[in-house]
mmCIF file of all heavy atoms, coordinates in Angstrom:
data_MODEL
# 
_entry.id   MODEL 
# 
loop_
_atom_site.group_PDB 
_atom_site.id 
_atom_site.type_symbol 
_atom_site.label_atom_id 
_atom_site.label_alt_id 
_atom_site.label_comp_id 
_atom_site.label_asym_id 
_atom_site.label_entity_id 
_atom_site.label_seq_id 
_atom_site.pdbx_PDB_ins_code 
_atom_site.Cartn_x 
_atom_site.Cartn_y 
_atom_site.Cartn_z 
_atom_site.occupancy 
_atom_site.B_iso_or_equiv 
_atom_site.pdbx_formal_charge 
_atom_site.auth_seq_id 
_atom_site.auth_comp_id 
_atom_site.auth_asym_id 
_atom_site.auth_atom_id 
_atom_site.pdbx_PDB_model_num 
ATOM 1   N N   . ILE A 1 1  ? 0.832   -1.201  0.000  1.00 0.00 ? 1  ILE A N   1 
ATOM 2   C CA  . ILE A 1 1  ? 0.000   0.000   0.000  1.00 0.00 ? 1  ILE A CA  1 
ATOM 3   C C   . ILE A 1 1  ? 0.871   1.257   0.000  1.00 0.00 ? 1  ILE A C   1 
ATOM 4   O O   . ILE A 1 1  ? 2.069   1.208   0.264  1.00 0.00 ? 1  ILE A O   1 
ATOM 5   C CB  . ILE A 1 1  ? -0.942  0.045   1.232  1.00 0.00 ? 1  ILE A CB  1 
ATOM 6   C CG1 . ILE A 1 1  ? -0.160  -0.239  2.507  1.00 0.00 ? 1  ILE A CG1 1 
ATOM 7   C CG2 . ILE A 1 1  ? -2.090  -0.924  1.067  1.00 0.00 ? 1  ILE A CG2 1 
ATOM 8   C CD1 . ILE A 1 1  ? -0.985  -0.150  3.783  1.00 0.00 ? 1  ILE A CD1 1 
ATOM 9   N N   . ALA A 1 2  ? 0.210   2.362   -0.294 1.00 0.00 ? 2  ALA A N   1 
ATOM 10  C CA  . ALA A 1 2  ? 0.851   3.675   -0.181 1.00 0.00 ? 2  ALA A CA  1 
ATOM 11  C C   . ALA A 1 2  ? 0.598   4.225   1.223  1.00 0.00 ? 2  ALA A C   1 
ATOM 12  O O   . ALA A 1 2  ? -0.310  3.780   1.924  1.00 0.00 ? 2  ALA A O   1 
ATOM 13  C CB  . ALA A 1 2  ? 0.281   4.626   -1.227 1.00 0.00 ? 2  ALA A CB  1 
ATOM 14  N N   . PRO A 1 3  ? 1.379   5.199   1.658  1.00 0.00 ? 3  PRO A N   1 
ATOM 15  C CA  . PRO A 1 3  ? 1.114   5.828   2.954  1.00 0.00 ? 3  PRO A CA  1 
ATOM 16  C C   . PRO A 1 3  ? -0.205  6.607   2.912  1.00 0.00 ? 3  PRO A C   1 
ATOM 17  O O   . PRO A 1 3  ? -0.695  6.966   1.843  1.00 0.00 ? 3  PRO A O   1 
ATOM 18  C CB  . PRO A 1 3  ? 2.304   6.785   3.136  1.00 0.00 ? 3  PRO A CB  1 
ATOM 19  C CG  . PRO A 1 3  ? 3.326   6.372   2.119  1.00 0.00 ? 3  PRO A CG  1 
ATOM 20  C CD  . PRO A 1 3  ? 2.579   5.738   0.999  1.00 0.00 ? 3  PRO A CD  1 
ATOM 21  N N   . ALA A 1 4  ? -0.766  6.887   4.081  1.00 0.00 ? 4  ALA A N   1 
ATOM 22  C CA  . ALA A 1 4  ? -1.931  7.772   4.161  1.00 0.00 ? 4  ALA A CA  1 
ATOM 23  C C   . ALA A 1 4  ? -1.515  9.147   3.639  1.00 0.00 ? 4  ALA A C   1 
ATOM 24  O O   . ALA A 1 4  ? -0.358  9.538   3.763  1.00 0.00 ? 4  ALA A O   1 
ATOM 25  C CB  . ALA A 1 4  ? -2.407  7.863   5.605  1.00 0.00 ? 4  ALA A CB  1 
ATOM 26  N N   . PRO A 1 5  ? -2.420  9.878   2.967  1.00 0.00 ? 5  PRO A N   1 
ATOM 27  C CA  . PRO A 1 5  ? -3.874  9.693   2.880  1.00 0.00 ? 5  PRO A CA  1 
ATOM 28  C C   . PRO A 1 5  ? -4.330  9.100   1.545  1.00 0.00 ? 5  PRO A C   1 
ATOM 29  O O   . PRO A 1 5  ? -5.385  9.476   1.041  1.00 0.00 ? 5  PRO A O   1 
ATOM 30  C CB  . PRO A 1 5  ? -4.380  11.126  3.022  1.00 0.00 ? 5  PRO A CB  1 
ATOM 31  C CG  . PRO A 1 5  ? -3.335  11.946  2.299  1.00 0.00 ? 5  PRO A CG  1 
ATOM 32  C CD  . PRO A 1 5  ? -2.032  11.231  2.507  1.00 0.00 ? 5  PRO A CD  1 
ATOM 33  N N   . ASP A 1 6  ? -3.547  8.187   0.953  1.00 0.00 ? 6  ASP A N   1 
ATOM 34  C CA  . ASP A 1 6  ? -3.903  7.627   -0.353 1.00 0.00 ? 6  ASP A CA  1 
ATOM 35  C C   . ASP A 1 6  ? -5.291  6.985   -0.316 1.00 0.00 ? 6  ASP A C   1 
ATOM 36  O O   . ASP A 1 6  ? -5.618  6.221   0.603  1.00 0.00 ? 6  ASP A O   1 
ATOM 37  C CB  . ASP A 1 6  ? -2.860  6.575   -0.738 1.00 0.00 ? 6  ASP A CB  1 
ATOM 38  C CG  . ASP A 1 6  ? -3.137  5.966   -2.086 1.00 0.00 ? 6  ASP A CG  1 
ATOM 39  O OD1 . ASP A 1 6  ? -2.970  6.654   -3.102 1.00 0.00 ? 6  ASP A OD1 1 
ATOM 40  O OD2 . ASP A 1 6  ? -3.549  4.783   -2.114 1.00 0.00 ? 6  ASP A OD2 1 
ATOM 41  N N   . ILE A 1 7  ? -6.116  7.268   -1.337 1.00 0.00 ? 7  ILE A N   1 
ATOM 42  C CA  . ILE A 1 7  ? -7.497  6.789   -1.329 1.00 0.00 ? 7  ILE A CA  1 
ATOM 43  C C   . ILE A 1 7  ? -7.574  5.290   -1.587 1.00 0.00 ? 7  ILE A C   1 
ATOM 44  O O   . ILE A 1 7  ? -8.467  4.604   -1.085 1.00 0.00 ? 7  ILE A O   1 
ATOM 45  C CB  . ILE A 1 7  ? -8.366  7.569   -2.347 1.00 0.00 ? 7  ILE A CB  1 
ATOM 46  C CG1 . ILE A 1 7  ? -9.857  7.352   -2.026 1.00 0.00 ? 7  ILE A CG1 1 
ATOM 47  C CG2 . ILE A 1 7  ? -8.037  7.192   -3.778 1.00 0.00 ? 7  ILE A CG2 1 
ATOM 48  C CD1 . ILE A 1 7  ? -10.786 8.303   -2.754 1.00 0.00 ? 7  ILE A CD1 1 
ATOM 49  N N   . TYR A 1 8  ? -6.621  4.715   -2.356 1.00 0.00 ? 8  TYR A N   1 
ATOM 50  C CA  . TYR A 1 8  ? -6.630  3.266   -2.563 1.00 0.00 ? 8  TYR A CA  1 
ATOM 51  C C   . TYR A 1 8  ? -6.310  2.544   -1.249 1.00 0.00 ? 8  TYR A C   1 
ATOM 52  O O   . TYR A 1 8  ? -6.867  1.478   -0.955 1.00 0.00 ? 8  TYR A O   1 
ATOM 53  C CB  . TYR A 1 8  ? -5.629  2.856   -3.635 1.00 0.00 ? 8  TYR A CB  1 
ATOM 54  C CG  . TYR A 1 8  ? -5.879  3.472   -4.987 1.00 0.00 ? 8  TYR A CG  1 
ATOM 55  C CD1 . TYR A 1 8  ? -4.878  3.487   -5.950 1.00 0.00 ? 8  TYR A CD1 1 
ATOM 56  C CD2 . TYR A 1 8  ? -7.105  4.044   -5.318 1.00 0.00 ? 8  TYR A CD2 1 
ATOM 57  C CE1 . TYR A 1 8  ? -5.094  4.058   -7.200 1.00 0.00 ? 8  TYR A CE1 1 
ATOM 58  C CE2 . TYR A 1 8  ? -7.334  4.613   -6.556 1.00 0.00 ? 8  TYR A CE2 1 
ATOM 59  C CZ  . TYR A 1 8  ? -6.314  4.621   -7.498 1.00 0.00 ? 8  TYR A CZ  1 
ATOM 60  O OH  . TYR A 1 8  ? -6.519  5.185   -8.724 1.00 0.00 ? 8  TYR A OH  1 
ATOM 61  N N   . ARG A 1 9  ? -5.414  3.096   -0.476 1.00 0.00 ? 9  ARG A N   1 
ATOM 62  C CA  . ARG A 1 9  ? -5.122  2.544   0.854  1.00 0.00 ? 9  ARG A CA  1 
ATOM 63  C C   . ARG A 1 9  ? -6.393  2.562   1.705  1.00 0.00 ? 9  ARG A C   1 
ATOM 64  O O   . ARG A 1 9  ? -6.735  1.563   2.357  1.00 0.00 ? 9  ARG A O   1 
ATOM 65  C CB  . ARG A 1 9  ? -4.025  3.373   1.519  1.00 0.00 ? 9  ARG A CB  1 
ATOM 66  C CG  . ARG A 1 9  ? -3.772  3.038   2.987  1.00 0.00 ? 9  ARG A CG  1 
ATOM 67  C CD  . ARG A 1 9  ? -2.944  4.129   3.647  1.00 0.00 ? 9  ARG A CD  1 
ATOM 68  N NE  . ARG A 1 9  ? -2.746  3.862   5.066  1.00 0.00 ? 9  ARG A NE  1 
ATOM 69  C CZ  . ARG A 1 9  ? -1.647  3.351   5.590  1.00 0.00 ? 9  ARG A CZ  1 
ATOM 70  N NH1 . ARG A 1 9  ? -0.633  3.064   4.804  1.00 0.00 ? 9  ARG A NH1 1 
ATOM 71  N NH2 . ARG A 1 9  ? -1.548  3.125   6.880  1.00 0.00 ? 9  ARG A NH2 1 
ATOM 72  N N   . LYS A 1 10 ? -7.103  3.689   1.679  1.00 0.00 ? 10 LYS A N   1 
ATOM 73  C CA  . LYS A 1 10 ? -8.333  3.821   2.450  1.00 0.00 ? 10 LYS A CA  1 
ATOM 74  C C   . LYS A 1 10 ? -9.355  2.780   2.012  1.00 0.00 ? 10 LYS A C   1 
ATOM 75  O O   . LYS A 1 10 ? -10.008 2.145   2.856  1.00 0.00 ? 10 LYS A O   1 
ATOM 76  C CB  . LYS A 1 10 ? -8.898  5.228   2.264  1.00 0.00 ? 10 LYS A CB  1 
ATOM 77  C CG  . LYS A 1 10 ? -10.169 5.509   3.045  1.00 0.00 ? 10 LYS A CG  1 
ATOM 78  C CD  . LYS A 1 10 ? -10.637 6.945   2.820  1.00 0.00 ? 10 LYS A CD  1 
ATOM 79  C CE  . LYS A 1 10 ? -11.920 7.236   3.571  1.00 0.00 ? 10 LYS A CE  1 
ATOM 80  N NZ  . LYS A 1 10 ? -12.387 8.626   3.318  1.00 0.00 ? 10 LYS A NZ  1 
ATOM 81  N N   . ARG A 1 11 ? -9.503  2.586   0.702  1.00 0.00 ? 11 ARG A N   1 
ATOM 82  C CA  . ARG A 1 11 ? -10.456 1.595   0.191  1.00 0.00 ? 11 ARG A CA  1 
ATOM 83  C C   . ARG A 1 11 ? -10.090 0.198   0.673  1.00 0.00 ? 11 ARG A C   1 
ATOM 84  O O   . ARG A 1 11 ? -10.949 -0.593  1.081  1.00 0.00 ? 11 ARG A O   1 
ATOM 85  C CB  . ARG A 1 11 ? -10.468 1.630   -1.337 1.00 0.00 ? 11 ARG A CB  1 
ATOM 86  C CG  . ARG A 1 11 ? -11.116 2.853   -1.943 1.00 0.00 ? 11 ARG A CG  1 
ATOM 87  C CD  . ARG A 1 11 ? -12.636 2.758   -1.823 1.00 0.00 ? 11 ARG A CD  1 
ATOM 88  N NE  . ARG A 1 11 ? -13.280 3.876   -2.486 1.00 0.00 ? 11 ARG A NE  1 
ATOM 89  C CZ  . ARG A 1 11 ? -13.544 5.039   -1.925 1.00 0.00 ? 11 ARG A CZ  1 
ATOM 90  N NH1 . ARG A 1 11 ? -13.219 5.251   -0.659 1.00 0.00 ? 11 ARG A NH1 1 
ATOM 91  N NH2 . ARG A 1 11 ? -14.136 5.992   -2.602 1.00 0.00 ? 11 ARG A NH2 1 
ATOM 92  N N   . ALA A 1 12 ? -8.801  -0.144  0.604  1.00 0.00 ? 12 ALA A N   1 
ATOM 93  C CA  . ALA A 1 12 ? -8.353  -1.477  1.004  1.00 0.00 ? 12 ALA A CA  1 
ATOM 94  C C   . ALA A 1 12 ? -8.630  -1.738  2.491  1.00 0.00 ? 12 ALA A C   1 
ATOM 95  O O   . ALA A 1 12 ? -9.195  -2.776  2.863  1.00 0.00 ? 12 ALA A O   1 
ATOM 96  C CB  . ALA A 1 12 ? -6.864  -1.630  0.708  1.00 0.00 ? 12 ALA A CB  1 
ATOM 97  N N   . LEU A 1 13 ? -8.251  -0.789  3.341  1.00 0.00 ? 13 LEU A N   1 
ATOM 98  C CA  . LEU A 1 13 ? -8.438  -0.985  4.782  1.00 0.00 ? 13 LEU A CA  1 
ATOM 99  C C   . LEU A 1 13 ? -9.910  -1.043  5.153  1.00 0.00 ? 13 LEU A C   1 
ATOM 100 O O   . LEU A 1 13 ? -10.320 -1.851  6.002  1.00 0.00 ? 13 LEU A O   1 
ATOM 101 C CB  . LEU A 1 13 ? -7.729  0.131   5.551  1.00 0.00 ? 13 LEU A CB  1 
ATOM 102 C CG  . LEU A 1 13 ? -6.216  0.272   5.333  1.00 0.00 ? 13 LEU A CG  1 
ATOM 103 C CD1 . LEU A 1 13 ? -5.624  1.264   6.325  1.00 0.00 ? 13 LEU A CD1 1 
ATOM 104 C CD2 . LEU A 1 13 ? -5.511  -1.062  5.412  1.00 0.00 ? 13 LEU A CD2 1 
ATOM 105 N N   . GLN A 1 14 ? -10.743 -0.207  4.523  1.00 0.00 ? 14 GLN A N   1 
ATOM 106 C CA  . GLN A 1 14 ? -12.179 -0.226  4.804  1.00 0.00 ? 14 GLN A CA  1 
ATOM 107 C C   . GLN A 1 14 ? -12.782 -1.581  4.456  1.00 0.00 ? 14 GLN A C   1 
ATOM 108 O O   . GLN A 1 14 ? -13.575 -2.150  5.233  1.00 0.00 ? 14 GLN A O   1 
ATOM 109 C CB  . GLN A 1 14 ? -12.885 0.879   4.013  1.00 0.00 ? 14 GLN A CB  1 
ATOM 110 C CG  . GLN A 1 14 ? -12.689 2.280   4.552  1.00 0.00 ? 14 GLN A CG  1 
ATOM 111 C CD  . GLN A 1 14 ? -13.334 3.338   3.677  1.00 0.00 ? 14 GLN A CD  1 
ATOM 112 O OE1 . GLN A 1 14 ? -13.563 3.125   2.483  1.00 0.00 ? 14 GLN A OE1 1 
ATOM 113 N NE2 . GLN A 1 14 ? -13.640 4.488   4.257  1.00 0.00 ? 14 GLN A NE2 1 
ATOM 114 N N   . ALA A 1 15 ? -12.409 -2.105  3.277  1.00 0.00 ? 15 ALA A N   1 
ATOM 115 C CA  . ALA A 1 15 ? -12.987 -3.382  2.825  1.00 0.00 ? 15 ALA A CA  1 
ATOM 116 C C   . ALA A 1 15 ? -12.559 -4.530  3.734  1.00 0.00 ? 15 ALA A C   1 
ATOM 117 O O   . ALA A 1 15 ? -13.382 -5.391  4.104  1.00 0.00 ? 15 ALA A O   1 
ATOM 118 C CB  . ALA A 1 15 ? -12.567 -3.657  1.381  1.00 0.00 ? 15 ALA A CB  1 
ATOM 119 N N   . LEU A 1 16 ? -11.293 -4.557  4.119  1.00 0.00 ? 16 LEU A N   1 
ATOM 120 C CA  . LEU A 1 16 ? -10.801 -5.651  4.958  1.00 0.00 ? 16 LEU A CA  1 
ATOM 121 C C   . LEU A 1 16 ? -11.368 -5.567  6.372  1.00 0.00 ? 16 LEU A C   1 
ATOM 122 O O   . LEU A 1 16 ? -11.752 -6.583  6.963  1.00 0.00 ? 16 LEU A O   1 
ATOM 123 C CB  . LEU A 1 16 ? -9.278  -5.632  4.993  1.00 0.00 ? 16 LEU A CB  1 
ATOM 124 C CG  . LEU A 1 16 ? -8.588  -5.913  3.657  1.00 0.00 ? 16 LEU A CG  1 
ATOM 125 C CD1 . LEU A 1 16 ? -7.082  -5.743  3.786  1.00 0.00 ? 16 LEU A CD1 1 
ATOM 126 C CD2 . LEU A 1 16 ? -8.927  -7.313  3.142  1.00 0.00 ? 16 LEU A CD2 1 
ATOM 127 N N   . GLU A 1 17 ? -11.433 -4.360  6.931  1.00 0.00 ? 17 GLU A N   1 
ATOM 128 C CA  . GLU A 1 17 ? -11.986 -4.205  8.283  1.00 0.00 ? 17 GLU A CA  1 
ATOM 129 C C   . GLU A 1 17 ? -13.461 -4.570  8.317  1.00 0.00 ? 17 GLU A C   1 
ATOM 130 O O   . GLU A 1 17 ? -13.930 -5.214  9.270  1.00 0.00 ? 17 GLU A O   1 
ATOM 131 C CB  . GLU A 1 17 ? -11.765 -2.771  8.758  1.00 0.00 ? 17 GLU A CB  1 
ATOM 132 C CG  . GLU A 1 17 ? -10.305 -2.466  9.057  1.00 0.00 ? 17 GLU A CG  1 
ATOM 133 C CD  . GLU A 1 17 ? -10.036 -0.984  9.279  1.00 0.00 ? 17 GLU A CD  1 
ATOM 134 O OE1 . GLU A 1 17 ? -10.974 -0.176  9.072  1.00 0.00 ? 17 GLU A OE1 1 
ATOM 135 O OE2 . GLU A 1 17 ? -8.905  -0.637  9.653  1.00 0.00 ? 17 GLU A OE2 1 
ATOM 136 N N   . ALA A 1 18 ? -14.209 -4.187  7.265  1.00 0.00 ? 18 ALA A N   1 
ATOM 137 C CA  . ALA A 1 18 ? -15.634 -4.524  7.220  1.00 0.00 ? 18 ALA A CA  1 
ATOM 138 C C   . ALA A 1 18 ? -15.849 -6.028  7.136  1.00 0.00 ? 18 ALA A C   1 
ATOM 139 O O   . ALA A 1 18 ? -16.838 -6.556  7.657  1.00 0.00 ? 18 ALA A O   1 
ATOM 140 C CB  . ALA A 1 18 ? -16.297 -3.829  6.028  1.00 0.00 ? 18 ALA A CB  1 
ATOM 141 N N   . ALA A 1 19 ? -14.922 -6.729  6.478  1.00 0.00 ? 19 ALA A N   1 
ATOM 142 C CA  . ALA A 1 19 ? -15.051 -8.182  6.324  1.00 0.00 ? 19 ALA A CA  1 
ATOM 143 C C   . ALA A 1 19 ? -14.397 -8.947  7.470  1.00 0.00 ? 19 ALA A C   1 
ATOM 144 O O   . ALA A 1 19 ? -14.454 -10.185 7.501  1.00 0.00 ? 19 ALA A O   1 
ATOM 145 C CB  . ALA A 1 19 ? -14.424 -8.609  4.989  1.00 0.00 ? 19 ALA A CB  1 
ATOM 146 N N   . GLY A 1 20 ? -13.761 -8.248  8.399  1.00 0.00 ? 20 GLY A N   1 
ATOM 147 C CA  . GLY A 1 20 ? -13.118 -8.903  9.531  1.00 0.00 ? 20 GLY A CA  1 
ATOM 148 C C   . GLY A 1 20 ? -11.876 -9.678  9.145  1.00 0.00 ? 20 GLY A C   1 
ATOM 149 O O   . GLY A 1 20 ? -11.532 -10.670 9.789  1.00 0.00 ? 20 GLY A O   1 
ATOM 150 N N   . ILE A 1 21 ? -11.168 -9.233  8.123  1.00 0.00 ? 21 ILE A N   1 
ATOM 151 C CA  . ILE A 1 21 ? -9.968  -9.913  7.645  1.00 0.00 ? 21 ILE A CA  1 
ATOM 152 C C   . ILE A 1 21 ? -8.735  -9.217  8.227  1.00 0.00 ? 21 ILE A C   1 
ATOM 153 O O   . ILE A 1 21 ? -8.560  -8.009  8.068  1.00 0.00 ? 21 ILE A O   1 
ATOM 154 C CB  . ILE A 1 21 ? -9.893  -9.906  6.103  1.00 0.00 ? 21 ILE A CB  1 
ATOM 155 C CG1 . ILE A 1 21 ? -11.070 -10.686 5.524  1.00 0.00 ? 21 ILE A CG1 1 
ATOM 156 C CG2 . ILE A 1 21 ? -8.563  -10.487 5.613  1.00 0.00 ? 21 ILE A CG2 1 
ATOM 157 C CD1 . ILE A 1 21 ? -11.154 -10.630 4.010  1.00 0.00 ? 21 ILE A CD1 1 
ATOM 158 N N   . GLY A 1 22 ? -7.893  -9.981  8.938  1.00 0.00 ? 22 GLY A N   1 
ATOM 159 C CA  . GLY A 1 22 ? -6.677  -9.418  9.495  1.00 0.00 ? 22 GLY A CA  1 
ATOM 160 C C   . GLY A 1 22 ? -5.658  -9.126  8.405  1.00 0.00 ? 22 GLY A C   1 
ATOM 161 O O   . GLY A 1 22 ? -5.588  -9.828  7.394  1.00 0.00 ? 22 GLY A O   1 
ATOM 162 N N   . PHE A 1 23 ? -4.851  -8.109  8.614  1.00 0.00 ? 23 PHE A N   1 
ATOM 163 C CA  . PHE A 1 23 ? -3.865  -7.746  7.588  1.00 0.00 ? 23 PHE A CA  1 
ATOM 164 C C   . PHE A 1 23 ? -2.652  -7.101  8.242  1.00 0.00 ? 23 PHE A C   1 
ATOM 165 O O   . PHE A 1 23 ? -2.683  -6.684  9.402  1.00 0.00 ? 23 PHE A O   1 
ATOM 166 C CB  . PHE A 1 23 ? -4.479  -6.778  6.573  1.00 0.00 ? 23 PHE A CB  1 
ATOM 167 C CG  . PHE A 1 23 ? -5.049  -5.516  7.178  1.00 0.00 ? 23 PHE A CG  1 
ATOM 168 C CD1 . PHE A 1 23 ? -4.260  -4.391  7.419  1.00 0.00 ? 23 PHE A CD1 1 
ATOM 169 C CD2 . PHE A 1 23 ? -6.394  -5.458  7.533  1.00 0.00 ? 23 PHE A CD2 1 
ATOM 170 C CE1 . PHE A 1 23 ? -4.794  -3.254  7.996  1.00 0.00 ? 23 PHE A CE1 1 
ATOM 171 C CE2 . PHE A 1 23 ? -6.939  -4.314  8.105  1.00 0.00 ? 23 PHE A CE2 1 
ATOM 172 C CZ  . PHE A 1 23 ? -6.125  -3.213  8.341  1.00 0.00 ? 23 PHE A CZ  1 
ATOM 173 N N   . ARG A 1 24 ? -1.576  -7.027  7.486  1.00 0.00 ? 24 ARG A N   1 
ATOM 174 C CA  . ARG A 1 24 ? -0.364  -6.330  7.903  1.00 0.00 ? 24 ARG A CA  1 
ATOM 175 C C   . ARG A 1 24 ? 0.218   -5.627  6.682  1.00 0.00 ? 24 ARG A C   1 
ATOM 176 O O   . ARG A 1 24 ? 0.016   -6.077  5.546  1.00 0.00 ? 24 ARG A O   1 
ATOM 177 C CB  . ARG A 1 24 ? 0.668   -7.310  8.475  1.00 0.00 ? 24 ARG A CB  1 
ATOM 178 C CG  . ARG A 1 24 ? 1.174   -8.333  7.462  1.00 0.00 ? 24 ARG A CG  1 
ATOM 179 C CD  . ARG A 1 24 ? 2.192   -9.283  8.073  1.00 0.00 ? 24 ARG A CD  1 
ATOM 180 N NE  . ARG A 1 24 ? 2.619   -10.296 7.102  1.00 0.00 ? 24 ARG A NE  1 
ATOM 181 C CZ  . ARG A 1 24 ? 3.619   -10.106 6.239  1.00 0.00 ? 24 ARG A CZ  1 
ATOM 182 N NH1 . ARG A 1 24 ? 4.291   -8.950  6.232  1.00 0.00 ? 24 ARG A NH1 1 
ATOM 183 N NH2 . ARG A 1 24 ? 3.953   -11.057 5.383  1.00 0.00 ? 24 ARG A NH2 1 
ATOM 184 N N   . ALA A 1 25 ? 0.903   -4.544  6.889  1.00 0.00 ? 25 ALA A N   1 
ATOM 185 C CA  . ALA A 1 25 ? 1.559   -3.831  5.791  1.00 0.00 ? 25 ALA A CA  1 
ATOM 186 C C   . ALA A 1 25 ? 2.898   -4.503  5.527  1.00 0.00 ? 25 ALA A C   1 
ATOM 187 O O   . ALA A 1 25 ? 3.838   -4.391  6.309  1.00 0.00 ? 25 ALA A O   1 
ATOM 188 C CB  . ALA A 1 25 ? 1.759   -2.364  6.147  1.00 0.00 ? 25 ALA A CB  1 
ATOM 189 N N   . SER A 1 26 ? 2.969   -5.238  4.413  1.00 0.00 ? 26 SER A N   1 
ATOM 190 C CA  . SER A 1 26 ? 4.216   -5.926  4.065  1.00 0.00 ? 26 SER A CA  1 
ATOM 191 C C   . SER A 1 26 ? 5.154   -5.029  3.269  1.00 0.00 ? 26 SER A C   1 
ATOM 192 O O   . SER A 1 26 ? 6.364   -5.261  3.222  1.00 0.00 ? 26 SER A O   1 
ATOM 193 C CB  . SER A 1 26 ? 3.911   -7.192  3.253  1.00 0.00 ? 26 SER A CB  1 
ATOM 194 O OG  . SER A 1 26 ? 3.266   -6.860  2.036  1.00 0.00 ? 26 SER A OG  1 
# 
C-alpha cells in the first residue's frame, strides 16, 4: 500500500476491516 492519505489505501483498509480480515503492511 501507499502511505496515508492515499485513497486506494483507504479503500483497502475499509474493505478488509468490514469483512473482519486481518492484515499487515508488508
